[in-house]
Amino acid sequence: MAHETGLFKKYGLDVQLIYIPSSGMNIQALLGGSLDVSAPGISGVVLAAARGAPVLTIAAMTNRPAMTLYVQPDIARPDQLKGQTLGISRFNSSGHTVTTLILRKLGLEKSVTMRPLGGTPEMQAAFEQKQIAGIVTGVKPGAPARALLNAFDLDIPFSMNVMAVTREFLQKNPETAERVIKAYIEAVGAMNHDKEATLKVLAKYFKRSDANFLDETYALVTRFTEKTPRVDTRNVATVLEFEPVKGVDAETLTAKVIDNSVIDKLVKDGFIEKVFAKTVR
């Protein structure tokens, strides 16, 4: 939305959008200098920082996983997944983390196989060809599918997408970081206020034009996308519970990996309230 509606340009930013299919690859590109700002899942940021990488997150697009466990239509109960295979993009990706957390909640972590397929398009294709029993995704499959469980309802503090930068970038370019977030927040405002324009953007980037899919996706993103994109500090404990790093505790790492100072400033300045012109969350 920020790119398509010219909001990045409004704030003097010349932005190129690059699709990178997993959090791990996003962080590698960020640390390698190929990106200035990355939009990975929180797990990629936390695990990289836990291993000494100078990376942190400055905003959260979501603080709960807006993802659903979609299964083949003949599967009606969670226990029917025993011995089955679920598709993920890559191991240690955000989707892998959320899939694992869901399976743990269902008591099926050791009873279900996860198969890495590469990315969302590959996962969707495998599901449609019935090569897998299900996928955890925010994008409803094009083929008939049963929504078995919504991860959001499990109240797992886990950000599917955050804004990540290196420490050096934030130190040297604090005003640029603020302008990026301003453009993003205004885009969320435009998304909430202008459904017609948003549907066009969704259709373009998902390459799908069916009205039901677009309406469902619009309802999903407007419900789960944070208006005040402050990062929930509980995210770090969630990630480390999933994949502990020796000698690293959540409280110490949280102070290093989450920096809400830009968001706090925009809240104090009244910027976010002005964008939404009402009480925001």
C-alpha atoms as a PDB file:
ATOM      1  CA  MET A   1       0.000   0.000   0.000  1.00  0.00           C
ATOM      2  CA  ALA A   2       2.793   2.420   0.861  1.00  0.00           C
ATOM      3  CA  HIS A   3       4.494   1.736  -2.452  1.00  0.00           C
ATOM      4  CA  GLU A   4       1.377   1.728  -4.642  1.00  0.00           C
ATOM      5  CA  THR A   5      -0.169   4.855  -3.125  1.00  0.00           C
ATOM      6  CA  GLY A   6       3.042   6.905  -3.297  1.00  0.00           C
ATOM      7  CA  LEU A   7       3.462   7.251   0.458  1.00  0.00           C
ATOM      8  CA  PHE A   8       7.144   6.341   0.434  1.00  0.00           C
ATOM      9  CA  LYS A   9       7.718   9.102  -2.127  1.00  0.00           C
ATOM     10  CA  LYS A  10       5.684  11.488   0.022  1.00  0.00           C
ATOM     11  CA  TYR A  11       8.315  11.061   2.731  1.00  0.00           C
ATOM     12  CA  GLY A  12      11.231  11.469   0.337  1.00  0.00           C
ATOM     13  CA  LEU A  13      12.030   7.766   0.070  1.00  0.00           C
ATOM     14  CA  ASP A  14      12.981   5.971  -3.136  1.00  0.00           C
ATOM     15  CA  VAL A  15      11.956   2.423  -2.236  1.00  0.00           C
ATOM     16  CA  GLN A  16      12.443  -0.784  -4.171  1.00  0.00           C
ATOM     17  CA  LEU A  17      10.384  -3.755  -2.986  1.00  0.00           C
ATOM     18  CA  ILE A  18      12.106  -7.141  -3.145  1.00  0.00           C
ATOM     19  CA  TYR A  19      10.318 -10.412  -2.432  1.00  0.00           C
ATOM     20  CA  ILE A  20      12.400 -12.766  -0.285  1.00  0.00           C
ATOM     21  CA  PRO A  21      10.529 -15.960   0.704  1.00  0.00           C
ATOM     22  CA  SER A  22      11.821 -16.632   4.223  1.00  0.00           C
ATOM     23  CA  SER A  23      12.873 -14.807   7.384  1.00  0.00           C
ATOM     24  CA  GLY A  24      16.315 -16.391   7.417  1.00  0.00           C
ATOM     25  CA  MET A  25      17.088 -15.217   3.889  1.00  0.00           C
ATOM     26  CA  ASN A  26      15.716 -11.758   4.722  1.00  0.00           C
ATOM     27  CA  ILE A  27      18.112 -11.405   7.641  1.00  0.00           C
ATOM     28  CA  GLN A  28      21.051 -12.653   5.580  1.00  0.00           C
ATOM     29  CA  ALA A  29      20.314 -10.021   2.939  1.00  0.00           C
ATOM     30  CA  LEU A  30      19.971  -7.323   5.606  1.00  0.00           C
ATOM     31  CA  LEU A  31      23.244  -8.217   7.301  1.00  0.00           C
ATOM     32  CA  GLY A  32      24.968  -8.545   3.936  1.00  0.00           C
ATOM     33  CA  GLY A  33      24.047  -4.972   3.031  1.00  0.00           C
ATOM     34  CA  SER A  34      21.637  -5.846   0.207  1.00  0.00           C
ATOM     35  CA  LEU A  35      18.712  -4.347   2.164  1.00  0.00           C
ATOM     36  CA  ASP A  36      18.324  -1.247   4.315  1.00  0.00           C
ATOM     37  CA  VAL A  37      15.058  -2.365   5.905  1.00  0.00           C
ATOM     38  CA  SER A  38      13.750  -5.908   6.041  1.00  0.00           C
ATOM     39  CA  ALA A  39      10.277  -7.289   6.796  1.00  0.00           C
ATOM     40  CA  PRO A  40      10.924 -10.773   8.179  1.00  0.00           C
ATOM     41  CA  GLY A  41       9.141 -12.688  10.908  1.00  0.00           C
ATOM     42  CA  ILE A  42      10.256 -12.047  14.475  1.00  0.00           C
ATOM     43  CA  SER A  43      11.959 -15.435  14.723  1.00  0.00           C
ATOM     44  CA  GLY A  44      14.575 -14.515  12.142  1.00  0.00           C
ATOM     45  CA  VAL A  45      15.472 -11.321  14.001  1.00  0.00           C
ATOM     46  CA  VAL A  46      15.560 -12.887  17.462  1.00  0.00           C
ATOM     47  CA  LEU A  47      17.620 -15.920  16.489  1.00  0.00           C
ATOM     48  CA  ALA A  48      20.102 -13.820  14.537  1.00  0.00           C
ATOM     49  CA  ALA A  49      20.507 -11.400  17.449  1.00  0.00           C
ATOM     50  CA  ALA A  50      20.823 -14.301  19.903  1.00  0.00           C
ATOM     51  CA  ARG A  51      23.805 -15.507  17.888  1.00  0.00           C
ATOM     52  CA  GLY A  52      25.454 -12.087  17.945  1.00  0.00           C
ATOM     53  CA  ALA A  53      24.162 -10.401  14.783  1.00  0.00           C
ATOM     54  CA  PRO A  54      23.709  -6.597  15.135  1.00  0.00           C
ATOM     55  CA  VAL A  55      20.065  -6.628  14.093  1.00  0.00           C
ATOM     56  CA  LEU A  56      16.912  -5.360  15.812  1.00  0.00           C
ATOM     57  CA  THR A  57      13.248  -4.714  15.127  1.00  0.00           C
ATOM     58  CA  ILE A  58      11.701  -1.246  15.237  1.00  0.00           C
ATOM     59  CA  ALA A  59       8.046  -2.005  14.417  1.00  0.00           C
ATOM     60  CA  ALA A  60       5.631  -4.930  14.244  1.00  0.00           C
ATOM     61  CA  MET A  61       3.081  -5.250  11.465  1.00  0.00           C
ATOM     62  CA  THR A  62       1.293  -7.888  13.530  1.00  0.00           C
ATOM     63  CA  ASN A  63       1.807  -9.132  17.081  1.00  0.00           C
ATOM     64  CA  ARG A  64      -0.258 -12.295  16.689  1.00  0.00           C
ATOM     65  CA  PRO A  65       0.061 -14.837  13.880  1.00  0.00           C
ATOM     66  CA  ALA A  66      -2.783 -14.050  11.474  1.00  0.00           C
ATOM     67  CA  MET A  67      -2.498 -17.540  10.065  1.00  0.00           C
ATOM     68  CA  THR A  68      -4.931 -20.410   9.662  1.00  0.00           C
ATOM     69  CA  LEU A  69      -4.347 -24.136   9.510  1.00  0.00           C
ATOM     70  CA  TYR A  70      -6.004 -25.127   6.241  1.00  0.00           C
ATOM     71  CA  VAL A  71      -6.441 -28.848   5.612  1.00  0.00           C
ATOM     72  CA  GLN A  72      -7.885 -31.020   2.888  1.00  0.00           C
ATOM     73  CA  PRO A  73     -11.722 -31.079   2.986  1.00  0.00           C
ATOM     74  CA  ASP A  74     -11.888 -34.695   4.175  1.00  0.00           C
ATOM     75  CA  ILE A  75     -10.027 -33.801   7.396  1.00  0.00           C
ATOM     76  CA  ALA A  76     -12.521 -32.658  10.029  1.00  0.00           C
ATOM     77  CA  ARG A  77     -10.622 -33.094  13.320  1.00  0.00           C
ATOM     78  CA  PRO A  78      -7.060 -32.371  14.467  1.00  0.00           C
ATOM     79  CA  ASP A  79      -6.427 -36.024  15.384  1.00  0.00           C
ATOM     80  CA  GLN A  80      -6.881 -36.952  11.717  1.00  0.00           C
ATOM     81  CA  LEU A  81      -3.563 -35.220  11.034  1.00  0.00           C
ATOM     82  CA  LYS A  82      -1.624 -37.996  12.785  1.00  0.00           C
ATOM     83  CA  GLY A  83       0.821 -39.530  10.328  1.00  0.00           C
ATOM     84  CA  GLN A  84       0.138 -36.773   7.793  1.00  0.00           C
ATOM     85  CA  THR A  85       2.412 -34.124   6.245  1.00  0.00           C
ATOM     86  CA  LEU A  86       2.060 -30.349   6.478  1.00  0.00           C
ATOM     87  CA  GLY A  87       3.844 -28.003   4.098  1.00  0.00           C
ATOM     88  CA  ILE A  88       6.125 -25.173   5.243  1.00  0.00           C
ATOM     89  CA  SER A  89       8.372 -22.827   3.279  1.00  0.00           C
ATOM     90  CA  ARG A  90      11.676 -23.569   5.008  1.00  0.00           C
ATOM     91  CA  PHE A  91      12.852 -24.841   8.367  1.00  0.00           C
ATOM     92  CA  ASN A  92      13.332 -21.982  10.871  1.00  0.00           C
ATOM     93  CA  SER A  93      10.995 -19.749   8.856  1.00  0.00           C
ATOM     94  CA  SER A  94       8.121 -17.917  10.556  1.00  0.00           C
ATOM     95  CA  GLY A  95       5.656 -20.365   9.044  1.00  0.00           C
ATOM     96  CA  HIS A  96       7.681 -23.271  10.424  1.00  0.00           C
ATOM     97  CA  THR A  97       7.607 -21.691  13.887  1.00  0.00           C
ATOM     98  CA  VAL A  98       3.864 -21.052  13.864  1.00  0.00           C
ATOM     99  CA  THR A  99       3.134 -24.526  12.466  1.00  0.00           C
ATOM    100  CA  THR A 100       5.205 -26.064  15.261  1.00  0.00           C
ATOM    101  CA  LEU A 101       3.506 -23.940  17.936  1.00  0.00           C
ATOM    102  CA  ILE A 102       0.075 -24.986  16.643  1.00  0.00           C
ATOM    103  CA  LEU A 103       1.033 -28.663  16.595  1.00  0.00           C
ATOM    104  CA  ARG A 104       2.323 -28.346  20.170  1.00  0.00           C
ATOM    105  CA  LYS A 105      -0.988 -26.828  21.279  1.00  0.00           C
ATOM    106  CA  LEU A 106      -2.776 -29.748  19.611  1.00  0.00           C
ATOM    107  CA  GLY A 107      -0.393 -32.345  21.068  1.00  0.00           C
ATOM    108  CA  LEU A 108       0.628 -33.422  17.564  1.00  0.00           C
ATOM    109  CA  GLU A 109       4.202 -32.122  17.296  1.00  0.00           C
ATOM    110  CA  LYS A 110       5.684 -35.627  17.132  1.00  0.00           C
ATOM    111  CA  SER A 111       2.852 -37.109  15.066  1.00  0.00           C
ATOM    112  CA  VAL A 112       2.983 -34.845  12.007  1.00  0.00           C
ATOM    113  CA  THR A 113       5.755 -34.429   9.426  1.00  0.00           C
ATOM    114  CA  MET A 114       6.679 -30.996   8.066  1.00  0.00           C
ATOM    115  CA  ARG A 115       7.966 -30.734   4.501  1.00  0.00           C
ATOM    116  CA  PRO A 116       9.885 -27.628   3.322  1.00  0.00           C
ATOM    117  CA  LEU A 117       8.616 -26.561  -0.097  1.00  0.00           C
ATOM    118  CA  GLY A 118      10.322 -23.223  -0.783  1.00  0.00           C
ATOM    119  CA  GLY A 119       7.703 -20.516  -0.460  1.00  0.00           C
ATOM    120  CA  THR A 120       4.003 -19.654  -0.411  1.00  0.00           C
ATOM    121  CA  PRO A 121       3.373 -20.346  -4.130  1.00  0.00           C
ATOM    122  CA  GLU A 122       4.990 -23.780  -3.818  1.00  0.00           C
ATOM    123  CA  MET A 123       3.023 -24.544  -0.665  1.00  0.00           C
ATOM    124  CA  GLN A 124      -0.231 -23.541  -2.344  1.00  0.00           C
ATOM    125  CA  ALA A 125       0.560 -25.683  -5.393  1.00  0.00           C
ATOM    126  CA  ALA A 126       1.406 -28.731  -3.277  1.00  0.00           C
ATOM    127  CA  PHE A 127      -1.838 -28.314  -1.348  1.00  0.00           C
ATOM    128  CA  GLU A 128      -3.914 -27.962  -4.505  1.00  0.00           C
ATOM    129  CA  GLN A 129      -2.296 -31.119  -5.915  1.00  0.00           C
ATOM    130  CA  LYS A 130      -3.032 -32.916  -2.604  1.00  0.00           C
ATOM    131  CA  GLN A 131       0.634 -33.724  -2.031  1.00  0.00           C
ATOM    132  CA  ILE A 132       0.236 -32.520   1.570  1.00  0.00           C
ATOM    133  CA  ALA A 133      -2.557 -32.678   4.131  1.00  0.00           C
ATOM    134  CA  GLY A 134      -2.435 -29.002   5.021  1.00  0.00           C
ATOM    135  CA  ILE A 135      -0.586 -25.708   5.395  1.00  0.00           C
ATOM    136  CA  VAL A 136      -0.495 -22.912   7.958  1.00  0.00           C
ATOM    137  CA  THR A 137      -0.870 -19.694   5.992  1.00  0.00           C
ATOM    138  CA  GLY A 138      -2.528 -16.305   5.874  1.00  0.00           C
ATOM    139  CA  VAL A 139      -3.544 -16.924   2.252  1.00  0.00           C
ATOM    140  CA  LYS A 140      -6.582 -19.149   1.718  1.00  0.00           C
ATOM    141  CA  PRO A 141      -5.813 -21.910  -0.811  1.00  0.00           C
ATOM    142  CA  GLY A 142      -7.371 -21.658  -4.242  1.00  0.00           C
ATOM    143  CA  ALA A 143      -8.496 -25.286  -4.029  1.00  0.00           C
ATOM    144  CA  PRO A 144     -11.272 -26.503  -1.680  1.00  0.00           C
ATOM    145  CA  ALA A 145      -9.962 -26.432   1.895  1.00  0.00           C
ATOM    146  CA  ARG A 146     -11.193 -26.658   5.476  1.00  0.00           C
ATOM    147  CA  ALA A 147     -10.101 -23.970   7.967  1.00  0.00           C
ATOM    148  CA  LEU A 148      -9.335 -26.214  10.930  1.00  0.00           C
ATOM    149  CA  LEU A 149      -7.881 -23.685  13.374  1.00  0.00           C
ATOM    150  CA  ASN A 150      -6.898 -20.019  13.551  1.00  0.00           C
ATOM    151  CA  ALA A 151      -3.516 -19.426  15.191  1.00  0.00           C
ATOM    152  CA  PHE A 152      -4.636 -16.007  16.456  1.00  0.00           C
ATOM    153  CA  ASP A 153      -7.185 -17.654  18.740  1.00  0.00           C
ATOM    154  CA  LEU A 154      -4.393 -19.532  20.543  1.00  0.00           C
ATOM    155  CA  ASP A 155      -3.086 -16.181  21.868  1.00  0.00           C
ATOM    156  CA  ILE A 156       0.513 -16.843  20.884  1.00  0.00           C
ATOM    157  CA  PRO A 157       2.575 -13.615  21.006  1.00  0.00           C
ATOM    158  CA  PHE A 158       4.413 -14.017  17.708  1.00  0.00           C
ATOM    159  CA  SER A 159       4.911 -11.346  15.059  1.00  0.00           C
ATOM    160  CA  MET A 160       4.670 -12.746  11.552  1.00  0.00           C
ATOM    161  CA  ASN A 161       6.179  -9.591  10.106  1.00  0.00           C
ATOM    162  CA  VAL A 162       8.296  -6.881  11.684  1.00  0.00           C
ATOM    163  CA  MET A 163      10.512  -4.079  10.416  1.00  0.00           C
ATOM    164  CA  ALA A 164      14.119  -4.990  10.997  1.00  0.00           C
ATOM    165  CA  VAL A 165      17.281  -2.928  10.561  1.00  0.00           C
ATOM    166  CA  THR A 166      20.877  -3.205  11.620  1.00  0.00           C
ATOM    167  CA  ARG A 167      22.043  -1.281  14.680  1.00  0.00           C
ATOM    168  CA  GLU A 168      24.357   0.756  12.493  1.00  0.00           C
ATOM    169  CA  PHE A 169      21.550   1.771  10.144  1.00  0.00           C
ATOM    170  CA  LEU A 170      19.347   2.992  13.011  1.00  0.00           C
ATOM    171  CA  GLN A 171      22.215   4.868  14.645  1.00  0.00           C
ATOM    172  CA  LYS A 172      23.219   6.611  11.413  1.00  0.00           C
ATOM    173  CA  ASN A 173      19.769   7.079   9.880  1.00  0.00           C
ATOM    174  CA  PRO A 174      17.189   7.624  12.644  1.00  0.00           C
ATOM    175  CA  GLU A 175      15.221  10.137  10.560  1.00  0.00           C
ATOM    176  CA  THR A 176      15.076   7.747   7.598  1.00  0.00           C
ATOM    177  CA  ALA A 177      13.803   4.964   9.850  1.00  0.00           C
ATOM    178  CA  GLU A 178      11.107   7.307  11.164  1.00  0.00           C
ATOM    179  CA  ARG A 179      10.044   8.298   7.642  1.00  0.00           C
ATOM    180  CA  VAL A 180       9.784   4.637   6.615  1.00  0.00           C
ATOM    181  CA  ILE A 181       7.518   3.903   9.567  1.00  0.00           C
ATOM    182  CA  LYS A 182       5.431   7.031   8.962  1.00  0.00           C
ATOM    183  CA  ALA A 183       4.824   5.953   5.353  1.00  0.00           C
ATOM    184  CA  TYR A 184       3.950   2.464   6.532  1.00  0.00           C
ATOM    185  CA  ILE A 185       1.490   3.684   9.193  1.00  0.00           C
ATOM    186  CA  GLU A 186      -0.212   5.992   6.705  1.00  0.00           C
ATOM    187  CA  ALA A 187      -0.502   3.013   4.361  1.00  0.00           C
ATOM    188  CA  VAL A 188      -2.240   1.008   7.088  1.00  0.00           C
ATOM    189  CA  GLY A 189      -4.568   3.966   7.539  1.00  0.00           C
ATOM    190  CA  ALA A 190      -5.285   4.047   3.800  1.00  0.00           C
ATOM    191  CA  MET A 191      -5.900   0.304   3.886  1.00  0.00           C
ATOM    192  CA  ASN A 192      -8.504   0.713   6.624  1.00  0.00           C
ATOM    193  CA  HIS A 193     -10.159   3.752   5.045  1.00  0.00           C
ATOM    194  CA  ASP A 194     -10.145   2.790   1.350  1.00  0.00           C
ATOM    195  CA  LYS A 195     -11.262  -0.770   0.723  1.00  0.00           C
ATOM    196  CA  GLU A 196     -11.534  -0.388  -3.051  1.00  0.00           C
ATOM    197  CA  ALA A 197      -7.931   0.765  -3.457  1.00  0.00           C
ATOM    198  CA  THR A 198      -6.732  -1.943  -1.079  1.00  0.00           C
ATOM    199  CA  LEU A 199      -8.502  -4.698  -3.029  1.00  0.00           C
ATOM    200  CA  LYS A 200      -6.681  -3.578  -6.173  1.00  0.00           C
ATOM    201  CA  VAL A 201      -3.334  -3.803  -4.396  1.00  0.00           C
ATOM    202  CA  LEU A 202      -4.166  -7.233  -2.962  1.00  0.00           C
ATOM    203  CA  ALA A 203      -5.220  -8.482  -6.398  1.00  0.00           C
ATOM    204  CA  LYS A 204      -1.979  -7.217  -7.940  1.00  0.00           C
ATOM    205  CA  TYR A 205       0.399  -8.750  -5.419  1.00  0.00           C
ATOM    206  CA  PHE A 206      -1.476 -12.012  -4.833  1.00  0.00           C
ATOM    207  CA  LYS A 207      -2.202 -12.329  -8.568  1.00  0.00           C
ATOM    208  CA  ARG A 208      -5.757 -13.383  -7.733  1.00  0.00           C
ATOM    209  CA  SER A 209      -8.915 -11.553  -8.740  1.00  0.00           C
ATOM    210  CA  ASP A 210     -11.728 -13.686  -7.276  1.00  0.00           C
ATOM    211  CA  ALA A 211     -13.939 -11.438  -5.160  1.00  0.00           C
ATOM    212  CA  ASN A 212     -14.474 -13.842  -2.257  1.00  0.00           C
ATOM    213  CA  PHE A 213     -10.747 -14.346  -1.756  1.00  0.00           C
ATOM    214  CA  LEU A 214     -10.060 -10.609  -1.875  1.00  0.00           C
ATOM    215  CA  ASP A 215     -12.869  -9.806   0.570  1.00  0.00           C
ATOM    216  CA  GLU A 216     -11.685 -12.479   3.019  1.00  0.00           C
ATOM    217  CA  THR A 217      -8.092 -11.302   2.743  1.00  0.00           C
ATOM    218  CA  TYR A 218      -9.104  -7.684   3.258  1.00  0.00           C
ATOM    219  CA  ALA A 219     -11.034  -8.637   6.390  1.00  0.00           C
ATOM    220  CA  LEU A 220      -8.006 -10.551   7.632  1.00  0.00           C
ATOM    221  CA  VAL A 221      -5.424  -7.810   7.112  1.00  0.00           C
ATOM    222  CA  THR A 222      -7.593  -5.031   8.509  1.00  0.00           C
ATOM    223  CA  ARG A 223      -8.337  -7.112  11.607  1.00  0.00           C
ATOM    224  CA  PHE A 224      -4.808  -8.215  12.406  1.00  0.00           C
ATOM    225  CA  THR A 225      -2.527  -5.437  11.148  1.00  0.00           C
ATOM    226  CA  GLU A 226      -1.550  -3.214  14.067  1.00  0.00           C
ATOM    227  CA  LYS A 227      -2.485   0.449  13.874  1.00  0.00           C
ATOM    228  CA  THR A 228       0.132   1.222  16.515  1.00  0.00           C
ATOM    229  CA  PRO A 229       2.920  -1.126  15.367  1.00  0.00           C
ATOM    230  CA  ARG A 230       4.727  -1.392  18.692  1.00  0.00           C
ATOM    231  CA  VAL A 231       6.585  -4.709  19.043  1.00  0.00           C
ATOM    232  CA  ASP A 232       5.216  -6.952  21.806  1.00  0.00           C
ATOM    233  CA  THR A 233       8.212  -7.772  24.010  1.00  0.00           C
ATOM    234  CA  ARG A 234       6.796 -11.235  24.749  1.00  0.00           C
ATOM    235  CA  ASN A 235       7.764 -12.246  21.217  1.00  0.00           C
ATOM    236  CA  VAL A 236      11.334 -12.948  22.282  1.00  0.00           C
ATOM    237  CA  ALA A 237      10.348 -15.513  24.904  1.00  0.00           C
ATOM    238  CA  THR A 238       8.083 -17.242  22.375  1.00  0.00           C
ATOM    239  CA  VAL A 239      10.915 -17.618  19.882  1.00  0.00           C
ATOM    240  CA  LEU A 240      13.463 -18.807  22.452  1.00  0.00           C
ATOM    241  CA  GLU A 241      10.988 -21.323  23.836  1.00  0.00           C
ATOM    242  CA  PHE A 242      10.685 -22.730  20.330  1.00  0.00           C
ATOM    243  CA  GLU A 243      14.419 -22.693  19.637  1.00  0.00           C
ATOM    244  CA  PRO A 244      16.577 -22.066  22.746  1.00  0.00           C
ATOM    245  CA  VAL A 245      20.038 -20.578  22.258  1.00  0.00           C
ATOM    246  CA  LYS A 246      22.629 -21.646  24.834  1.00  0.00           C
ATOM    247  CA  GLY A 247      23.575 -18.877  27.249  1.00  0.00           C
ATOM    248  CA  VAL A 248      20.826 -16.511  26.051  1.00  0.00           C
ATOM    249  CA  ASP A 249      17.840 -15.525  28.198  1.00  0.00           C
ATOM    250  CA  ALA A 250      14.744 -13.756  26.929  1.00  0.00           C
ATOM    251  CA  GLU A 251      14.865 -10.743  29.270  1.00  0.00           C
ATOM    252  CA  THR A 252      18.435  -9.777  28.360  1.00  0.00           C
ATOM    253  CA  LEU A 253      17.917 -10.336  24.646  1.00  0.00           C
ATOM    254  CA  THR A 254      14.654  -8.392  24.560  1.00  0.00           C
ATOM    255  CA  ALA A 255      16.438  -5.177  25.508  1.00  0.00           C
ATOM    256  CA  LYS A 256      18.892  -5.697  22.644  1.00  0.00           C
ATOM    257  CA  VAL A 257      16.572  -6.840  19.881  1.00  0.00           C
ATOM    258  CA  ILE A 258      13.422  -4.703  20.331  1.00  0.00           C
ATOM    259  CA  ASP A 259      13.563  -0.923  19.948  1.00  0.00           C
ATOM    260  CA  ASN A 260      10.143   0.753  20.128  1.00  0.00           C
ATOM    261  CA  SER A 261      11.588   4.264  20.408  1.00  0.00           C
ATOM    262  CA  VAL A 262      10.395   5.405  16.962  1.00  0.00           C
ATOM    263  CA  ILE A 263       6.865   4.136  17.591  1.00  0.00           C
ATOM    264  CA  ASP A 264       6.801   5.707  21.051  1.00  0.00           C
ATOM    265  CA  LYS A 265       7.838   9.045  19.546  1.00  0.00           C
ATOM    266  CA  LEU A 266       5.088   8.904  16.907  1.00  0.00           C
ATOM    267  CA  VAL A 267       2.516   8.077  19.591  1.00  0.00           C
ATOM    268  CA  LYS A 268       3.716  10.968  21.767  1.00  0.00           C
ATOM    269  CA  ASP A 269       3.624  13.361  18.790  1.00  0.00           C
ATOM    270  CA  GLY A 270       0.026  12.346  18.025  1.00  0.00           C
ATOM    271  CA  PHE A 271       0.955  11.154  14.538  1.00  0.00           C
ATOM    272  CA  ILE A 272      -0.813   7.785  14.747  1.00  0.00           C
ATOM    273  CA  GLU A 273      -3.975   9.201  16.287  1.00  0.00           C
ATOM    274  CA  LYS A 274      -4.101  11.780  13.498  1.00  0.00           C
ATOM    275  CA  VAL A 275      -3.740   9.115  10.793  1.00  0.00           C
ATOM    276  CA  PHE A 276      -6.655   7.089  12.090  1.00  0.00           C
ATOM    277  CA  ALA A 277      -8.625  10.048  13.493  1.00  0.00           C
ATOM    278  CA  LYS A 278      -9.968   7.865  16.303  1.00  0.00           C
ATOM    279  CA  THR A 279      -8.850   5.688  19.170  1.00  0.00           C
ATOM    280  CA  VAL A 280      -6.175   3.294  17.944  1.00  0.00           C
ATOM    281  CA  ARG A 281      -4.897  -0.016  19.244  1.00  0.00           C
END
